[in-house]
Amino acid sequence: MSKLRRDISLEVKKAVKMELASVNESLKSWCTKMDTINATLEILTEKVKDLEKKNMYLTNQNTHLELQVNAMEQQIRNMEQKQLDNVMEMK
């Protein structure tokens, strides 16, 4: 009976070791995938930060250009008004 118990015990240990080795390989594979995902996430995070900075720069530049256009339009309106005033004075 003792030998049978030892044999069963050895077989169970072998089976458990094989299963643990399989689980260990799966975990290693998932760890590698997670490392890849984390590296990709880090790269994408940096790209998003760069794009946010560029977007802010372009937004500021656009605002500045809009202000310049508004100022030029105001100058044109003033010039047109002066021309109208000159025409009125001539009549």
PDB file of N, CA and C in Angstrom:
ATOM      1  N   MET A   1       0.818  -1.193   0.000  1.00  0.00           N
ATOM      2  CA  MET A   1       0.000   0.000   0.000  1.00  0.00           C
ATOM      3  C   MET A   1       0.863   1.259   0.000  1.00  0.00           C
ATOM      4  N   SER A   2       1.952   1.204   0.742  1.00  0.00           N
ATOM      5  CA  SER A   2       2.846   2.344   0.858  1.00  0.00           C
ATOM      6  C   SER A   2       3.476   2.684  -0.491  1.00  0.00           C
ATOM      7  N   LYS A   3       3.869   1.663  -1.257  1.00  0.00           N
ATOM      8  CA  LYS A   3       4.450   1.895  -2.565  1.00  0.00           C
ATOM      9  C   LYS A   3       3.414   2.505  -3.500  1.00  0.00           C
ATOM     10  N   LEU A   4       2.207   2.048  -3.434  1.00  0.00           N
ATOM     11  CA  LEU A   4       1.134   2.589  -4.272  1.00  0.00           C
ATOM     12  C   LEU A   4       0.908   4.066  -3.951  1.00  0.00           C
ATOM     13  N   ARG A   5       0.930   4.356  -2.639  1.00  0.00           N
ATOM     14  CA  ARG A   5       0.756   5.748  -2.218  1.00  0.00           C
ATOM     15  C   ARG A   5       1.897   6.617  -2.730  1.00  0.00           C
ATOM     16  N   ARG A   6       3.121   6.116  -2.648  1.00  0.00           N
ATOM     17  CA  ARG A   6       4.278   6.860  -3.153  1.00  0.00           C
ATOM     18  C   ARG A   6       4.190   7.069  -4.659  1.00  0.00           C
ATOM     19  N   ASP A   7       3.800   6.037  -5.363  1.00  0.00           N
ATOM     20  CA  ASP A   7       3.662   6.146  -6.818  1.00  0.00           C
ATOM     21  C   ASP A   7       2.606   7.181  -7.196  1.00  0.00           C
ATOM     22  N   ILE A   8       1.481   7.121  -6.490  1.00  0.00           N
ATOM     23  CA  ILE A   8       0.405   8.100  -6.752  1.00  0.00           C
ATOM     24  C   ILE A   8       0.904   9.500  -6.427  1.00  0.00           C
ATOM     25  N   SER A   9       1.595   9.619  -5.308  1.00  0.00           N
ATOM     26  CA  SER A   9       2.132  10.918  -4.892  1.00  0.00           C
ATOM     27  C   SER A   9       3.100  11.453  -5.937  1.00  0.00           C
ATOM     28  N   LEU A  10       3.976  10.610  -6.458  1.00  0.00           N
ATOM     29  CA  LEU A  10       4.925  11.038  -7.487  1.00  0.00           C
ATOM     30  C   LEU A  10       4.199  11.453  -8.760  1.00  0.00           C
ATOM     31  N   GLU A  11       3.209  10.698  -9.145  1.00  0.00           N
ATOM     32  CA  GLU A  11       2.446  11.038 -10.348  1.00  0.00           C
ATOM     33  C   GLU A  11       1.707  12.368 -10.171  1.00  0.00           C
ATOM     34  N   VAL A  12       1.138  12.575  -9.001  1.00  0.00           N
ATOM     35  CA  VAL A  12       0.433  13.839  -8.726  1.00  0.00           C
ATOM     36  C   VAL A  12       1.425  15.000  -8.766  1.00  0.00           C
ATOM     37  N   LYS A  13       2.594  14.796  -8.170  1.00  0.00           N
ATOM     38  CA  LYS A  13       3.605  15.854  -8.182  1.00  0.00           C
ATOM     39  C   LYS A  13       4.029  16.186  -9.609  1.00  0.00           C
ATOM     40  N   LYS A  14       4.232  15.145 -10.431  1.00  0.00           N
ATOM     41  CA  LYS A  14       4.608  15.370 -11.828  1.00  0.00           C
ATOM     42  C   LYS A  14       3.513  16.149 -12.557  1.00  0.00           C
ATOM     43  N   ALA A  15       2.270  15.738 -12.331  1.00  0.00           N
ATOM     44  CA  ALA A  15       1.150  16.404 -13.002  1.00  0.00           C
ATOM     45  C   ALA A  15       1.044  17.861 -12.559  1.00  0.00           C
ATOM     46  N   VAL A  16       1.211  18.089 -11.269  1.00  0.00           N
ATOM     47  CA  VAL A  16       1.147  19.451 -10.731  1.00  0.00           C
ATOM     48  C   VAL A  16       2.293  20.285 -11.292  1.00  0.00           C
ATOM     49  N   LYS A  17       3.498  19.722 -11.357  1.00  0.00           N
ATOM     50  CA  LYS A  17       4.637  20.445 -11.923  1.00  0.00           C
ATOM     51  C   LYS A  17       4.396  20.807 -13.379  1.00  0.00           C
ATOM     52  N   MET A  18       3.829  19.864 -14.138  1.00  0.00           N
ATOM     53  CA  MET A  18       3.554  20.139 -15.541  1.00  0.00           C
ATOM     54  C   MET A  18       2.524  21.255 -15.681  1.00  0.00           C
ATOM     55  N   GLU A  19       1.501  21.211 -14.870  1.00  0.00           N
ATOM     56  CA  GLU A  19       0.468  22.243 -14.924  1.00  0.00           C
ATOM     57  C   GLU A  19       1.030  23.601 -14.502  1.00  0.00           C
ATOM     58  N   LEU A  20       1.843  23.579 -13.453  1.00  0.00           N
ATOM     59  CA  LEU A  20       2.453  24.834 -13.000  1.00  0.00           C
ATOM     60  C   LEU A  20       3.402  25.394 -14.050  1.00  0.00           C
ATOM     61  N   ALA A  21       4.106  24.528 -14.733  1.00  0.00           N
ATOM     62  CA  ALA A  21       4.999  24.991 -15.795  1.00  0.00           C
ATOM     63  C   ALA A  21       4.189  25.633 -16.917  1.00  0.00           C
ATOM     64  N   SER A  22       3.060  25.029 -17.243  1.00  0.00           N
ATOM     65  CA  SER A  22       2.191  25.579 -18.275  1.00  0.00           C
ATOM     66  C   SER A  22       1.633  26.943 -17.843  1.00  0.00           C
ATOM     67  N   VAL A  23       1.193  27.027 -16.612  1.00  0.00           N
ATOM     68  CA  VAL A  23       0.676  28.303 -16.077  1.00  0.00           C
ATOM     69  C   VAL A  23       1.785  29.348 -16.055  1.00  0.00           C
ATOM     70  N   ASN A  24       2.976  28.924 -15.666  1.00  0.00           N
ATOM     71  CA  ASN A  24       4.122  29.832 -15.613  1.00  0.00           C
ATOM     72  C   ASN A  24       4.439  30.380 -16.999  1.00  0.00           C
ATOM     73  N   GLU A  25       4.421  29.521 -18.016  1.00  0.00           N
ATOM     74  CA  GLU A  25       4.667  29.969 -19.390  1.00  0.00           C
ATOM     75  C   GLU A  25       3.598  30.958 -19.834  1.00  0.00           C
ATOM     76  N   SER A  26       2.361  30.667 -19.499  1.00  0.00           N
ATOM     77  CA  SER A  26       1.266  31.583 -19.851  1.00  0.00           C
ATOM     78  C   SER A  26       1.455  32.939 -19.180  1.00  0.00           C
ATOM     79  N   LEU A  27       1.848  32.905 -17.912  1.00  0.00           N
ATOM     80  CA  LEU A  27       2.080  34.157 -17.187  1.00  0.00           C
ATOM     81  C   LEU A  27       3.234  34.946 -17.800  1.00  0.00           C
ATOM     82  N   LYS A  28       4.285  34.249 -18.191  1.00  0.00           N
ATOM     83  CA  LYS A  28       5.408  34.937 -18.835  1.00  0.00           C
ATOM     84  C   LYS A  28       4.952  35.596 -20.134  1.00  0.00           C
ATOM     85  N   SER A  29       4.151  34.845 -20.879  1.00  0.00           N
ATOM     86  CA  SER A  29       3.646  35.390 -22.139  1.00  0.00           C
ATOM     87  C   SER A  29       2.793  36.635 -21.894  1.00  0.00           C
ATOM     88  N   TRP A  30       1.926  36.569 -20.909  1.00  0.00           N
ATOM     89  CA  TRP A  30       1.074  37.723 -20.589  1.00  0.00           C
ATOM     90  C   TRP A  30       1.901  38.891 -20.059  1.00  0.00           C
ATOM     91  N   CYS A  31       2.929  38.595 -19.301  1.00  0.00           N
ATOM     92  CA  CYS A  31       3.802  39.670 -18.802  1.00  0.00           C
ATOM     93  C   CYS A  31       4.495  40.382 -19.959  1.00  0.00           C
ATOM     94  N   THR A  32       4.944  39.595 -20.934  1.00  0.00           N
ATOM     95  CA  THR A  32       5.586  40.182 -22.106  1.00  0.00           C
ATOM     96  C   THR A  32       4.592  41.067 -22.859  1.00  0.00           C
ATOM     97  N   LYS A  33       3.373  40.563 -23.013  1.00  0.00           N
ATOM     98  CA  LYS A  33       2.340  41.355 -23.693  1.00  0.00           C
ATOM     99  C   LYS A  33       2.031  42.632 -22.919  1.00  0.00           C
ATOM    100  N   MET A  34       1.958  42.528 -21.611  1.00  0.00           N
ATOM    101  CA  MET A  34       1.690  43.717 -20.788  1.00  0.00           C
ATOM    102  C   MET A  34       2.833  44.726 -20.888  1.00  0.00           C
ATOM    103  N   ASP A  35       4.058  44.243 -20.928  1.00  0.00           N
ATOM    104  CA  ASP A  35       5.200  45.146 -21.098  1.00  0.00           C
ATOM    105  C   ASP A  35       5.103  45.884 -22.430  1.00  0.00           C
ATOM    106  N   THR A  36       4.722  45.148 -23.469  1.00  0.00           N
ATOM    107  CA  THR A  36       4.558  45.767 -24.783  1.00  0.00           C
ATOM    108  C   THR A  36       3.444  46.802 -24.757  1.00  0.00           C
ATOM    109  N   ILE A  37       2.340  46.455 -24.128  1.00  0.00           N
ATOM    110  CA  ILE A  37       1.212  47.392 -24.030  1.00  0.00           C
ATOM    111  C   ILE A  37       1.625  48.632 -23.245  1.00  0.00           C
ATOM    112  N   ASN A  38       2.328  48.444 -22.149  1.00  0.00           N
ATOM    113  CA  ASN A  38       2.775  49.587 -21.345  1.00  0.00           C
ATOM    114  C   ASN A  38       3.733  50.484 -22.120  1.00  0.00           C
ATOM    115  N   ALA A  39       4.627  49.877 -22.881  1.00  0.00           N
ATOM    116  CA  ALA A  39       5.561  50.680 -23.685  1.00  0.00           C
ATOM    117  C   ALA A  39       4.800  51.469 -24.746  1.00  0.00           C
ATOM    118  N   THR A  40       3.848  50.809 -25.389  1.00  0.00           N
ATOM    119  CA  THR A  40       3.034  51.493 -26.397  1.00  0.00           C
ATOM    120  C   THR A  40       2.227  52.619 -25.762  1.00  0.00           C
ATOM    121  N   LEU A  41       1.671  52.349 -24.606  1.00  0.00           N
ATOM    122  CA  LEU A  41       0.887  53.366 -23.898  1.00  0.00           C
ATOM    123  C   LEU A  41       1.758  54.572 -23.556  1.00  0.00           C
ATOM    124  N   GLU A  42       2.973  54.325 -23.154  1.00  0.00           N
ATOM    125  CA  GLU A  42       3.894  55.424 -22.826  1.00  0.00           C
ATOM    126  C   GLU A  42       4.195  56.264 -24.065  1.00  0.00           C
ATOM    127  N   ILE A  43       4.432  55.593 -25.185  1.00  0.00           N
ATOM    128  CA  ILE A  43       4.697  56.308 -26.435  1.00  0.00           C
ATOM    129  C   ILE A  43       3.481  57.139 -26.836  1.00  0.00           C
ATOM    130  N   LEU A  44       2.311  56.536 -26.756  1.00  0.00           N
ATOM    131  CA  LEU A  44       1.089  57.243 -27.142  1.00  0.00           C
ATOM    132  C   LEU A  44       0.805  58.410 -26.201  1.00  0.00           C
ATOM    133  N   THR A  45       1.090  58.239 -24.931  1.00  0.00           N
ATOM    134  CA  THR A  45       0.897  59.324 -23.967  1.00  0.00           C
ATOM    135  C   THR A  45       1.785  60.511 -24.325  1.00  0.00           C
ATOM    136  N   GLU A  46       3.030  60.240 -24.687  1.00  0.00           N
ATOM    137  CA  GLU A  46       3.940  61.315 -25.095  1.00  0.00           C
ATOM    138  C   GLU A  46       3.450  61.997 -26.365  1.00  0.00           C
ATOM    139  N   LYS A  47       2.964  61.201 -27.313  1.00  0.00           N
ATOM    140  CA  LYS A  47       2.445  61.783 -28.547  1.00  0.00           C
ATOM    141  C   LYS A  47       1.233  62.661 -28.268  1.00  0.00           C
ATOM    142  N   VAL A  48       0.369  62.220 -27.380  1.00  0.00           N
ATOM    143  CA  VAL A  48      -0.807  63.025 -27.030  1.00  0.00           C
ATOM    144  C   VAL A  48      -0.364  64.333 -26.388  1.00  0.00           C
ATOM    145  N   LYS A  49       0.611  64.258 -25.491  1.00  0.00           N
ATOM    146  CA  LYS A  49       1.113  65.482 -24.849  1.00  0.00           C
ATOM    147  C   LYS A  49       1.684  66.440 -25.893  1.00  0.00           C
ATOM    148  N   ASP A  50       2.452  65.901 -26.843  1.00  0.00           N
ATOM    149  CA  ASP A  50       3.010  66.743 -27.907  1.00  0.00           C
ATOM    150  C   ASP A  50       1.894  67.372 -28.735  1.00  0.00           C
ATOM    151  N   LEU A  51       0.895  66.578 -29.078  1.00  0.00           N
ATOM    152  CA  LEU A  51      -0.219  67.102 -29.868  1.00  0.00           C
ATOM    153  C   LEU A  51      -1.010  68.158 -29.096  1.00  0.00           C
ATOM    154  N   GLU A  52      -1.156  67.965 -27.797  1.00  0.00           N
ATOM    155  CA  GLU A  52      -1.848  68.965 -26.981  1.00  0.00           C
ATOM    156  C   GLU A  52      -1.064  70.283 -26.975  1.00  0.00           C
ATOM    157  N   LYS A  53       0.269  70.184 -26.874  1.00  0.00           N
ATOM    158  CA  LYS A  53       1.100  71.393 -26.912  1.00  0.00           C
ATOM    159  C   LYS A  53       0.972  72.088 -28.260  1.00  0.00           C
ATOM    160  N   LYS A  54       1.045  71.305 -29.343  1.00  0.00           N
ATOM    161  CA  LYS A  54       0.919  71.887 -30.678  1.00  0.00           C
ATOM    162  C   LYS A  54      -0.453  72.509 -30.869  1.00  0.00           C
ATOM    163  N   ASN A  55      -1.475  71.840 -30.364  1.00  0.00           N
ATOM    164  CA  ASN A  55      -2.828  72.377 -30.472  1.00  0.00           C
ATOM    165  C   ASN A  55      -2.949  73.700 -29.723  1.00  0.00           C
ATOM    166  N   MET A  56      -2.361  73.771 -28.532  1.00  0.00           N
ATOM    167  CA  MET A  56      -2.402  75.012 -27.762  1.00  0.00           C
ATOM    168  C   MET A  56      -1.667  76.121 -28.503  1.00  0.00           C
ATOM    169  N   TYR A  57      -0.508  75.809 -29.075  1.00  0.00           N
ATOM    170  CA  TYR A  57       0.246  76.793 -29.845  1.00  0.00           C
ATOM    171  C   TYR A  57      -0.587  77.299 -31.017  1.00  0.00           C
ATOM    172  N   LEU A  58      -1.200  76.374 -31.753  1.00  0.00           N
ATOM    173  CA  LEU A  58      -2.002  76.769 -32.915  1.00  0.00           C
ATOM    174  C   LEU A  58      -3.246  77.557 -32.498  1.00  0.00           C
ATOM    175  N   THR A  59      -3.829  77.191 -31.377  1.00  0.00           N
ATOM    176  CA  THR A  59      -4.977  77.944 -30.873  1.00  0.00           C
ATOM    177  C   THR A  59      -4.564  79.371 -30.536  1.00  0.00           C
ATOM    178  N   ASN A  60      -3.424  79.509 -29.870  1.00  0.00           N
ATOM    179  CA  ASN A  60      -2.922  80.847 -29.534  1.00  0.00           C
ATOM    180  C   ASN A  60      -2.590  81.644 -30.793  1.00  0.00           C
ATOM    181  N   GLN A  61      -1.969  80.976 -31.747  1.00  0.00           N
ATOM    182  CA  GLN A  61      -1.620  81.642 -33.002  1.00  0.00           C
ATOM    183  C   GLN A  61      -2.890  82.079 -33.739  1.00  0.00           C
ATOM    184  N   ASN A  62      -3.889  81.221 -33.747  1.00  0.00           N
ATOM    185  CA  ASN A  62      -5.153  81.541 -34.400  1.00  0.00           C
ATOM    186  C   ASN A  62      -5.818  82.745 -33.727  1.00  0.00           C
ATOM    187  N   THR A  63      -5.817  82.758 -32.412  1.00  0.00           N
ATOM    188  CA  THR A  63      -6.400  83.887 -31.679  1.00  0.00           C
ATOM    189  C   THR A  63      -5.669  85.174 -32.026  1.00  0.00           C
ATOM    190  N   HIS A  64      -4.345  85.107 -32.071  1.00  0.00           N
ATOM    191  CA  HIS A  64      -3.537  86.273 -32.407  1.00  0.00           C
ATOM    192  C   HIS A  64      -3.879  86.763 -33.820  1.00  0.00           C
ATOM    193  N   LEU A  65      -3.976  85.826 -34.767  1.00  0.00           N
ATOM    194  CA  LEU A  65      -4.293  86.204 -36.144  1.00  0.00           C
ATOM    195  C   LEU A  65      -5.713  86.785 -36.253  1.00  0.00           C
ATOM    196  N   GLU A  66      -6.639  86.226 -35.513  1.00  0.00           N
ATOM    197  CA  GLU A  66      -8.003  86.773 -35.517  1.00  0.00           C
ATOM    198  C   GLU A  66      -8.011  88.214 -35.001  1.00  0.00           C
ATOM    199  N   LEU A  67      -7.217  88.463 -33.955  1.00  0.00           N
ATOM    200  CA  LEU A  67      -7.132  89.826 -33.430  1.00  0.00           C
ATOM    201  C   LEU A  67      -6.530  90.773 -34.471  1.00  0.00           C
ATOM    202  N   GLN A  68      -5.514  90.292 -35.179  1.00  0.00           N
ATOM    203  CA  GLN A  68      -4.905  91.118 -36.222  1.00  0.00           C
ATOM    204  C   GLN A  68      -5.911  91.406 -37.341  1.00  0.00           C
ATOM    205  N   VAL A  69      -6.661  90.404 -37.751  1.00  0.00           N
ATOM    206  CA  VAL A  69      -7.657  90.588 -38.804  1.00  0.00           C
ATOM    207  C   VAL A  69      -8.717  91.586 -38.342  1.00  0.00           C
ATOM    208  N   ASN A  70      -9.160  91.445 -37.105  1.00  0.00           N
ATOM    209  CA  ASN A  70     -10.157  92.385 -36.578  1.00  0.00           C
ATOM    210  C   ASN A  70      -9.623  93.811 -36.567  1.00  0.00           C
ATOM    211  N   ALA A  71      -8.357  93.965 -36.174  1.00  0.00           N
ATOM    212  CA  ALA A  71      -7.751  95.298 -36.150  1.00  0.00           C
ATOM    213  C   ALA A  71      -7.649  95.862 -37.566  1.00  0.00           C
ATOM    214  N   MET A  72      -7.268  95.019 -38.521  1.00  0.00           N
ATOM    215  CA  MET A  72      -7.163  95.482 -39.911  1.00  0.00           C
ATOM    216  C   MET A  72      -8.549  95.837 -40.467  1.00  0.00           C
ATOM    217  N   GLU A  73      -9.549  95.032 -40.141  1.00  0.00           N
ATOM    218  CA  GLU A  73     -10.905  95.347 -40.600  1.00  0.00           C
ATOM    219  C   GLU A  73     -11.374  96.680 -40.032  1.00  0.00           C
ATOM    220  N   GLN A  74     -11.016  96.931 -38.777  1.00  0.00           N
ATOM    221  CA  GLN A  74     -11.382  98.201 -38.161  1.00  0.00           C
ATOM    222  C   GLN A  74     -10.682  99.357 -38.866  1.00  0.00           C
ATOM    223  N   GLN A  75      -9.412  99.162 -39.205  1.00  0.00           N
ATOM    224  CA  GLN A  75      -8.684 100.206 -39.928  1.00  0.00           C
ATOM    225  C   GLN A  75      -9.315 100.452 -41.299  1.00  0.00           C
ATOM    226  N   ILE A  76      -9.717  99.389 -41.970  1.00  0.00           N
ATOM    227  CA  ILE A  76     -10.364  99.540 -43.284  1.00  0.00           C
ATOM    228  C   ILE A  76     -11.674 100.296 -43.129  1.00  0.00           C
ATOM    229  N   ARG A  77     -12.459  99.960 -42.111  1.00  0.00           N
ATOM    230  CA  ARG A  77     -13.726 100.672 -41.880  1.00  0.00           C
ATOM    231  C   ARG A  77     -13.464 102.157 -41.604  1.00  0.00           C
ATOM    232  N   ASN A  78     -12.420 102.420 -40.820  1.00  0.00           N
ATOM    233  CA  ASN A  78     -12.075 103.821 -40.528  1.00  0.00           C
ATOM    234  C   ASN A  78     -11.672 104.558 -41.804  1.00  0.00           C
ATOM    235  N   MET A  79     -10.864 103.887 -42.652  1.00  0.00           N
ATOM    236  CA  MET A  79     -10.446 104.509 -43.904  1.00  0.00           C
ATOM    237  C   MET A  79     -11.655 104.745 -44.812  1.00  0.00           C
ATOM    238  N   GLU A  80     -12.547 103.782 -44.873  1.00  0.00           N
ATOM    239  CA  GLU A  80     -13.744 103.930 -45.707  1.00  0.00           C
ATOM    240  C   GLU A  80     -14.611 105.076 -45.192  1.00  0.00           C
ATOM    241  N   GLN A  81     -14.702 105.177 -43.880  1.00  0.00           N
ATOM    242  CA  GLN A  81     -15.505 106.249 -43.301  1.00  0.00           C
ATOM    243  C   GLN A  81     -14.888 107.609 -43.626  1.00  0.00           C
ATOM    244  N   LYS A  82     -13.554 107.704 -43.550  1.00  0.00           N
ATOM    245  CA  LYS A  82     -12.886 108.952 -43.884  1.00  0.00           C
ATOM    246  C   LYS A  82     -13.121 109.315 -45.343  1.00  0.00           C
ATOM    247  N   GLN A  83     -13.085 108.298 -46.228  1.00  0.00           N
ATOM    248  CA  GLN A  83     -13.334 108.562 -47.644  1.00  0.00           C
ATOM    249  C   GLN A  83     -14.763 109.062 -47.847  1.00  0.00           C
ATOM    250  N   LEU A  84     -15.697 108.449 -47.133  1.00  0.00           N
ATOM    251  CA  LEU A  84     -17.090 108.889 -47.233  1.00  0.00           C
ATOM    252  C   LEU A  84     -17.239 110.338 -46.714  1.00  0.00           C
ATOM    253  N   ASP A  85     -16.530 110.625 -45.624  1.00  0.00           N
ATOM    254  CA  ASP A  85     -16.572 111.987 -45.082  1.00  0.00           C
ATOM    255  C   ASP A  85     -16.013 112.974 -46.084  1.00  0.00           C
ATOM    256  N   ASN A  86     -14.911 112.616 -46.770  1.00  0.00           N
ATOM    257  CA  ASN A  86     -14.303 113.491 -47.780  1.00  0.00           C
ATOM    258  C   ASN A  86     -15.254 113.703 -48.956  1.00  0.00           C
ATOM    259  N   VAL A  87     -15.946 112.669 -49.369  1.00  0.00           N
ATOM    260  CA  VAL A  87     -16.893 112.777 -50.473  1.00  0.00           C
ATOM    261  C   VAL A  87     -18.033 113.689 -50.062  1.00  0.00           C
ATOM    262  N   MET A  88     -18.502 113.545 -48.839  1.00  0.00           N
ATOM    263  CA  MET A  88     -19.609 114.364 -48.353  1.00  0.00           C
ATOM    264  C   MET A  88     -19.197 115.830 -48.302  1.00  0.00           C
ATOM    265  N   GLU A  89     -17.942 116.103 -47.881  1.00  0.00           N
ATOM    266  CA  GLU A  89     -17.469 117.476 -47.791  1.00  0.00           C
ATOM    267  C   GLU A  89     -17.358 118.107 -49.179  1.00  0.00           C
ATOM    268  N   MET A  90     -17.020 117.329 -50.195  1.00  0.00           N
ATOM    269  CA  MET A  90     -16.860 117.843 -51.528  1.00  0.00           C
ATOM    270  C   MET A  90     -18.211 118.258 -52.120  1.00  0.00           C
ATOM    271  N   LYS A  91     -19.244 117.595 -51.754  1.00  0.00           N
ATOM    272  CA  LYS A  91     -20.555 117.891 -52.347  1.00  0.00           C
ATOM    273  C   LYS A  91     -21.035 119.177 -51.841  1.00  0.00           C
TER     274      LYS A  91
END
